[in-house]
Amino acid sequence: MSQDKTILLKLDQLLKGVENFVLVTVIETWGSAPKPVGSMLIIDKLGQIFGSVSGGCVEGSVITEALDILDSNECKLLTYSVSDGDAFQVGLACGGEIKILLEPISKRNKIVIEKLQSFLAEYHNGNLVIYSINLTTFERHVIKASDEDFVNIPMEPLNKRVSFKLADTFFSVLYPKLRLIIIGAVHIAQYLVNLAEIFEYQILVVDPRSTFASKARFPTVRVLTEWPDIALNEIQLNQDSALITLTHDPKIDDIALEKALQSDCYYIGSLGSKRTHAKRIDRLKMLGFTNNQLKRIKGPVGLDIGAKTPREIALSIMAEIIGVQRGFNQNMKLVV
């Protein structure tokens, strides 16, 4: 399912309201489909739309189909081919095919509403949660990570943080927000926070220097004026966490890197030149870390986009974090 907070907020509002609506979800794609599996569109009784399943290629037809089933309890499966011409208009080189599920959400069907509300509530509590629907019977289930049935869910798509179709069942998955822990409340960090907020990361800024780590400099995110070892003991670094050190001060950065290397953070990065990074690696080796462990640290940090200014460097770092999370590897690095 789409994790766009605007769409999820709208879904939450409509579930609490009195009007029927249709929930449309991309359940399968072929070729250069405009939107990924899990993309979501909401259509209300006035034909107003929230979200997108094709970037505009097929929405007109989808609205018509949705309004036809608005007051029923009958789900519908549709397949659309996106022409090369339409694909070009939404920024793709060629067309593709999408299969979508239309679910009329009727106030008469309290069971479905309760399941969707339970689904969203579990997500808002910060937990991974699955809304499954059988595409033949249209029977729905909410599966929590703590449920016994969760062990039957394949891990490969979950590790990729995607929704997916398996046999005749579609699994719409909401994942806990990715977390970005920034060590060093420096100028680059301010721009990095702005970018991470666009991508809806949960952000924590850590710096023991109160002059830097202030709410005045970082008004929208959590700031801890603590040494990294103390701050990181307050949270649990896990596979949803990315950590970046920016202070250039080994007394601060190295402590954070030790903690990160002992966790399963999906991204660890540290600002500094090749020479600075080599010295950093030597210090961490003396603490007992192996070469394989130290390879996890991205340094010099950021994709090589020729960045010079703090905001450009922040952009290169954010791009690398997203790339790693998406399974993208790039060897060319920016020396900063």
Protein backbone atom coordinates (compact mmCIF):
# COMPACT_ATOMS: atom_id res chain seq x y z
CA MET A 1 0.00 0.00 0.00
CA SER A 2 1.10 3.55 -0.63
CA GLN A 3 2.82 5.03 2.41
CA ASP A 4 2.13 8.59 1.26
CA LYS A 5 0.95 10.22 4.48
CA THR A 6 -1.54 12.43 2.61
CA ILE A 7 -3.31 9.39 1.14
CA LEU A 8 -3.25 7.47 4.41
CA LEU A 9 -4.67 10.49 6.23
CA LYS A 10 -7.48 10.73 3.67
CA LEU A 11 -8.22 7.02 4.02
CA ASP A 12 -8.34 7.43 7.79
CA GLN A 13 -10.78 10.35 7.47
CA LEU A 14 -13.08 8.53 5.05
CA LEU A 15 -13.20 5.42 7.22
CA LYS A 16 -14.44 7.58 10.10
CA GLY A 17 -16.99 9.38 7.91
CA VAL A 18 -20.44 8.44 6.66
CA GLU A 19 -19.92 8.39 2.88
CA ASN A 20 -19.04 5.39 0.73
CA PHE A 21 -15.85 5.46 -1.33
CA VAL A 22 -13.73 3.20 -3.52
CA LEU A 23 -10.19 2.14 -2.70
CA VAL A 24 -8.14 1.37 -5.81
CA THR A 25 -4.80 -0.45 -5.57
CA VAL A 26 -2.19 -1.48 -8.15
CA ILE A 27 -1.73 -5.21 -7.54
CA GLU A 28 0.44 -6.24 -10.49
CA THR A 29 2.53 -4.55 -13.20
CA TRP A 30 4.33 -5.51 -16.42
CA GLY A 31 6.80 -3.46 -18.42
CA SER A 32 7.38 0.19 -17.59
CA ALA A 33 4.24 0.67 -15.53
CA PRO A 34 3.80 4.29 -14.40
CA LYS A 35 3.24 3.40 -10.74
CA PRO A 36 4.61 0.55 -8.60
CA VAL A 37 2.63 -2.26 -7.03
CA GLY A 38 0.85 -0.97 -3.93
CA SER A 39 0.14 2.48 -5.36
CA MET A 40 -3.25 3.65 -4.22
CA LEU A 41 -6.10 5.86 -5.42
CA ILE A 42 -9.17 6.87 -3.42
CA ILE A 43 -12.37 7.95 -5.20
CA ASP A 44 -15.24 9.51 -3.27
CA LYS A 45 -18.92 9.76 -4.24
CA LEU A 46 -18.32 13.06 -6.07
CA GLY A 47 -15.64 11.50 -8.25
CA GLN A 48 -12.87 13.37 -6.47
CA ILE A 49 -9.59 11.49 -6.47
CA PHE A 50 -6.73 11.27 -4.00
CA GLY A 51 -3.52 9.56 -5.07
CA SER A 52 -2.75 7.88 -8.39
CA VAL A 53 -2.43 4.44 -9.98
CA SER A 54 -1.01 5.46 -13.35
CA GLY A 55 0.19 9.06 -13.23
CA GLY A 56 -2.93 10.11 -15.14
CA CYS A 57 -2.93 7.56 -17.97
CA VAL A 58 -6.02 5.56 -16.96
CA GLU A 59 -7.53 7.50 -14.05
CA GLY A 60 -10.48 8.72 -16.13
CA SER A 61 -11.61 5.18 -16.89
CA VAL A 62 -10.95 4.06 -13.32
CA ILE A 63 -13.18 6.82 -11.93
CA THR A 64 -16.06 5.69 -14.16
CA GLU A 65 -15.63 2.07 -13.09
CA ALA A 66 -15.38 3.07 -9.44
CA LEU A 67 -18.55 5.15 -9.44
CA ASP A 68 -20.42 2.20 -10.99
CA ILE A 69 -19.64 0.00 -7.96
CA LEU A 70 -19.57 2.73 -5.29
CA ASP A 71 -22.72 1.59 -3.47
CA SER A 72 -22.17 -2.14 -3.89
CA ASN A 73 -20.08 -4.65 -1.99
CA GLU A 74 -18.62 -6.14 -5.17
CA CYS A 75 -14.89 -5.77 -5.74
CA LYS A 76 -13.60 -5.56 -9.28
CA LEU A 77 -10.33 -6.45 -11.02
CA LEU A 78 -9.27 -4.48 -14.09
CA THR A 79 -6.26 -4.67 -16.39
CA TYR A 80 -5.05 -1.66 -18.38
CA SER A 81 -2.41 -1.32 -21.05
CA VAL A 82 -0.52 1.96 -20.98
CA SER A 83 0.46 3.00 -24.50
CA ASP A 84 3.93 4.25 -25.35
CA GLY A 85 2.45 7.70 -25.99
CA ASP A 86 0.71 7.86 -22.62
CA ALA A 87 3.80 6.50 -20.91
CA PHE A 88 5.96 9.23 -22.46
CA GLN A 89 3.63 11.88 -21.01
CA VAL A 90 4.28 10.62 -17.48
CA GLY A 91 8.04 10.35 -17.95
CA LEU A 92 8.52 6.74 -19.09
CA ALA A 93 10.39 5.57 -22.15
CA CYS A 94 7.76 3.00 -23.08
CA GLY A 95 4.40 1.64 -21.99
CA GLY A 96 3.38 -1.25 -19.81
CA GLU A 97 0.43 -2.97 -18.23
CA ILE A 98 -1.17 -2.65 -14.81
CA LYS A 99 -3.70 -4.74 -12.95
CA ILE A 100 -5.77 -2.94 -10.35
CA LEU A 101 -8.19 -3.88 -7.61
CA LEU A 102 -11.26 -1.73 -6.92
CA GLU A 103 -12.71 -2.14 -3.43
CA PRO A 104 -15.97 -0.33 -2.67
CA ILE A 105 -15.89 0.60 1.01
CA SER A 106 -19.51 0.71 2.10
CA LYS A 107 -20.65 1.88 5.52
CA ARG A 108 -22.87 -1.22 5.55
CA ASN A 109 -19.80 -3.45 5.57
CA LYS A 110 -18.57 -2.75 9.08
CA ILE A 111 -16.23 -5.75 9.09
CA VAL A 112 -14.14 -4.38 6.20
CA ILE A 113 -14.07 -0.91 7.75
CA GLU A 114 -12.92 -2.33 11.08
CA LYS A 115 -10.17 -4.32 9.36
CA LEU A 116 -8.88 -1.27 7.49
CA GLN A 117 -8.99 0.79 10.68
CA SER A 118 -7.06 -1.93 12.51
CA PHE A 119 -4.57 -1.99 9.63
CA LEU A 120 -3.95 1.77 9.85
CA ALA A 121 -3.86 1.79 13.66
CA GLU A 122 -1.11 -0.83 13.73
CA TYR A 123 0.91 1.24 11.24
CA HIS A 124 0.45 4.42 13.29
CA ASN A 125 1.76 2.50 16.29
CA GLY A 126 5.02 2.07 14.36
CA ASN A 127 4.60 -1.59 13.43
CA LEU A 128 4.79 -3.56 10.20
CA VAL A 129 1.28 -4.70 9.23
CA ILE A 130 -0.30 -6.52 6.27
CA TYR A 131 -3.78 -6.22 4.77
CA SER A 132 -4.34 -9.33 2.65
CA ILE A 133 -7.18 -9.88 0.21
CA ASN A 134 -8.01 -13.04 -1.68
CA LEU A 135 -8.57 -12.03 -5.31
CA THR A 136 -11.11 -14.79 -5.89
CA THR A 137 -13.26 -14.64 -2.76
CA PHE A 138 -12.23 -11.10 -1.73
CA GLU A 139 -11.88 -12.26 1.85
CA ARG A 140 -9.71 -9.86 3.86
CA HIS A 141 -7.35 -10.36 6.78
CA VAL A 142 -5.10 -8.10 8.83
CA ILE A 143 -1.80 -9.77 9.72
CA LYS A 144 0.43 -8.25 12.39
CA ALA A 145 4.10 -9.07 12.86
CA SER A 146 3.20 -10.52 16.26
CA ASP A 147 0.60 -12.93 14.81
CA GLU A 148 1.29 -16.65 14.38
CA ASP A 149 0.33 -16.42 10.68
CA PHE A 150 3.15 -13.95 10.06
CA VAL A 151 5.71 -16.77 9.84
CA ASN A 152 4.00 -17.91 6.61
CA ILE A 153 4.68 -14.58 4.87
CA PRO A 154 7.68 -14.72 2.47
CA MET A 155 10.56 -12.57 3.69
CA GLU A 156 11.99 -11.58 0.30
CA PRO A 157 9.36 -8.93 -0.56
CA LEU A 158 9.26 -7.77 3.07
CA ASN A 159 13.02 -7.18 2.98
CA LYS A 160 12.45 -5.04 -0.11
CA ARG A 161 9.68 -3.11 1.70
CA VAL A 162 7.12 -3.69 -1.05
CA SER A 163 3.52 -4.86 -1.36
CA PHE A 164 3.14 -8.02 -3.45
CA LYS A 165 0.87 -10.63 -5.04
CA LEU A 166 1.34 -14.31 -4.28
CA ALA A 167 -0.86 -16.86 -6.09
CA ASP A 168 -4.42 -15.54 -5.73
CA THR A 169 -3.77 -13.25 -2.75
CA PHE A 170 -2.57 -9.66 -2.66
CA PHE A 171 -0.59 -8.50 0.35
CA SER A 172 -0.78 -4.77 0.95
CA VAL A 173 2.01 -3.94 3.38
CA LEU A 174 2.65 -0.87 5.51
CA TYR A 175 6.15 -0.68 6.93
CA PRO A 176 7.46 1.25 9.92
CA LYS A 177 8.91 4.59 8.87
CA LEU A 178 12.56 4.49 7.91
CA ARG A 179 14.71 6.25 10.49
CA LEU A 180 17.60 8.62 9.91
CA ILE A 181 19.95 9.27 12.81
CA ILE A 182 22.22 12.24 12.16
CA ILE A 183 25.28 12.57 14.38
CA GLY A 184 26.38 16.19 14.30
CA ALA A 185 24.02 19.17 14.25
CA VAL A 186 26.07 20.97 11.60
CA HIS A 187 25.04 23.05 8.57
CA ILE A 188 24.84 20.00 6.27
CA ALA A 189 22.54 18.34 8.81
CA GLN A 190 19.99 21.15 8.47
CA TYR A 191 19.66 20.53 4.73
CA LEU A 192 19.71 16.77 5.24
CA VAL A 193 16.80 17.06 7.67
CA ASN A 194 14.82 19.06 5.09
CA LEU A 195 15.36 16.37 2.46
CA ALA A 196 14.64 13.46 4.79
CA GLU A 197 11.37 15.08 5.82
CA ILE A 198 10.27 15.13 2.17
CA PHE A 199 10.74 11.35 2.09
CA GLU A 200 8.95 11.00 5.44
CA TYR A 201 11.84 9.61 7.45
CA GLN A 202 11.66 9.60 11.22
CA ILE A 203 14.62 11.82 12.11
CA LEU A 204 16.83 12.12 15.17
CA VAL A 205 19.69 14.63 15.45
CA VAL A 206 22.36 13.90 18.07
CA ASP A 207 25.14 16.25 19.17
CA PRO A 208 26.59 16.78 22.67
CA ARG A 209 27.37 20.40 21.77
CA SER A 210 24.37 22.45 22.86
CA THR A 211 25.40 25.39 20.68
CA PHE A 212 24.76 23.22 17.63
CA ALA A 213 22.02 20.90 18.88
CA SER A 214 19.20 23.33 19.52
CA LYS A 215 15.51 23.42 18.68
CA ALA A 216 16.10 26.81 17.09
CA ARG A 217 18.34 25.16 14.48
CA PHE A 218 16.21 22.00 14.13
CA PRO A 219 12.65 23.03 15.02
CA THR A 220 10.79 20.16 13.33
CA VAL A 221 12.67 17.07 14.54
CA ARG A 222 13.79 15.38 17.71
CA VAL A 223 17.16 16.65 18.97
CA LEU A 224 19.25 15.02 21.71
CA THR A 225 22.07 16.99 23.31
CA GLU A 226 23.87 13.83 24.37
CA TRP A 227 26.97 11.88 23.51
CA PRO A 228 26.12 9.28 20.83
CA ASP A 229 26.60 6.26 23.10
CA ILE A 230 24.02 7.61 25.55
CA ALA A 231 21.62 8.80 22.84
CA LEU A 232 21.79 5.55 20.86
CA ASN A 233 21.09 3.53 24.00
CA GLU A 234 17.71 5.29 24.13
CA ILE A 235 16.70 3.97 20.72
CA GLN A 236 17.07 0.61 19.03
CA LEU A 237 19.08 0.73 15.82
CA ASN A 238 17.62 -1.86 13.44
CA GLN A 239 17.20 -2.76 9.79
CA ASP A 240 15.01 0.32 9.28
CA SER A 241 17.75 2.68 10.50
CA ALA A 242 20.28 4.78 8.59
CA LEU A 243 23.05 6.53 10.53
CA ILE A 244 25.31 9.28 9.27
CA THR A 245 28.13 11.04 11.16
CA LEU A 246 28.94 14.62 10.19
CA THR A 247 31.02 16.22 12.96
CA HIS A 248 34.57 15.47 11.69
CA ASP A 249 35.36 14.90 15.39
CA PRO A 250 36.52 11.32 16.11
CA LYS A 251 35.52 11.67 19.77
CA ILE A 252 31.90 12.03 18.63
CA ASP A 253 31.75 10.18 15.31
CA ASP A 254 33.66 7.04 16.30
CA ILE A 255 31.37 6.31 19.25
CA ALA A 256 28.34 6.44 16.95
CA LEU A 257 30.02 4.27 14.32
CA GLU A 258 30.83 1.62 16.95
CA LYS A 259 27.16 1.44 17.91
CA ALA A 260 26.04 1.34 14.28
CA LEU A 261 28.47 -1.44 13.36
CA GLN A 262 27.13 -3.53 16.24
CA SER A 263 23.59 -3.18 14.85
CA ASP A 264 21.91 -4.16 11.59
CA CYS A 265 21.49 -0.60 10.28
CA TYR A 266 20.87 -0.74 6.55
CA TYR A 267 23.08 2.32 5.98
CA ILE A 268 26.13 3.70 7.80
CA GLY A 269 27.92 6.75 6.43
CA SER A 270 30.58 9.14 7.65
CA LEU A 271 31.61 12.52 6.29
CA GLY A 272 35.28 13.08 5.43
CA SER A 273 37.92 12.80 2.73
CA LYS A 274 39.58 9.55 1.67
CA ARG A 275 42.48 10.34 3.95
CA THR A 276 40.17 11.07 6.88
CA HIS A 277 38.24 7.87 6.21
CA ALA A 278 41.44 5.78 6.11
CA LYS A 279 42.41 7.11 9.55
CA ARG A 280 38.90 6.40 10.79
CA ILE A 281 39.12 2.80 9.58
CA ASP A 282 42.48 2.35 11.32
CA ARG A 283 41.04 3.59 14.61
CA LEU A 284 38.05 1.25 14.36
CA LYS A 285 40.33 -1.71 13.50
CA MET A 286 42.17 -1.06 16.75
CA LEU A 287 38.83 -1.52 18.51
CA GLY A 288 38.52 -5.00 17.01
CA PHE A 289 36.30 -4.45 13.97
CA THR A 290 37.12 -6.58 10.91
CA ASN A 291 37.56 -5.42 7.32
CA ASN A 292 34.21 -6.97 6.37
CA GLN A 293 32.45 -5.09 9.15
CA LEU A 294 34.13 -1.81 8.22
CA LYS A 295 33.11 -2.15 4.58
CA ARG A 296 29.60 -1.27 5.75
CA ILE A 297 30.67 2.33 6.34
CA LYS A 298 30.10 4.55 3.31
CA GLY A 299 33.06 6.88 3.18
CA PRO A 300 33.73 9.25 1.60
CA VAL A 301 30.00 9.64 1.88
CA GLY A 302 27.44 10.51 -0.81
CA LEU A 303 26.95 9.85 -4.52
CA ASP A 304 29.39 11.59 -6.83
CA ILE A 305 27.35 14.49 -8.20
CA GLY A 306 30.15 17.03 -7.92
CA ALA A 307 28.64 18.51 -4.76
CA LYS A 308 30.37 21.51 -3.18
CA THR A 309 27.89 23.41 -1.01
CA PRO A 310 26.25 22.06 2.18
CA ARG A 311 22.89 21.63 0.46
CA GLU A 312 24.49 19.81 -2.48
CA ILE A 313 26.41 17.52 -0.14
CA ALA A 314 23.18 16.81 1.75
CA LEU A 315 21.51 15.91 -1.55
CA SER A 316 24.32 13.50 -2.45
CA ILE A 317 24.03 11.83 0.97
CA MET A 318 20.24 11.53 0.76
CA ALA A 319 20.53 10.04 -2.73
CA GLU A 320 22.99 7.44 -1.49
CA ILE A 321 20.81 6.53 1.50
CA ILE A 322 17.81 6.00 -0.79
CA GLY A 323 19.94 4.06 -3.27
CA VAL A 324 21.21 1.66 -0.62
CA GLN A 325 17.69 1.18 0.73
CA ARG A 326 16.53 0.35 -2.80
CA GLY A 327 19.38 -2.12 -3.35
CA PHE A 328 21.36 0.15 -5.68
CA ASN A 329 25.16 0.03 -5.59
CA GLN A 330 27.43 2.71 -6.95
CA ASN A 331 31.20 2.70 -6.59
CA MET A 332 31.95 6.30 -7.56
CA LYS A 333 32.02 8.35 -4.39
CA LEU A 334 32.07 12.03 -3.58
CA VAL A 335 35.13 13.18 -1.66
CA VAL A 336 33.97 15.65 1.00
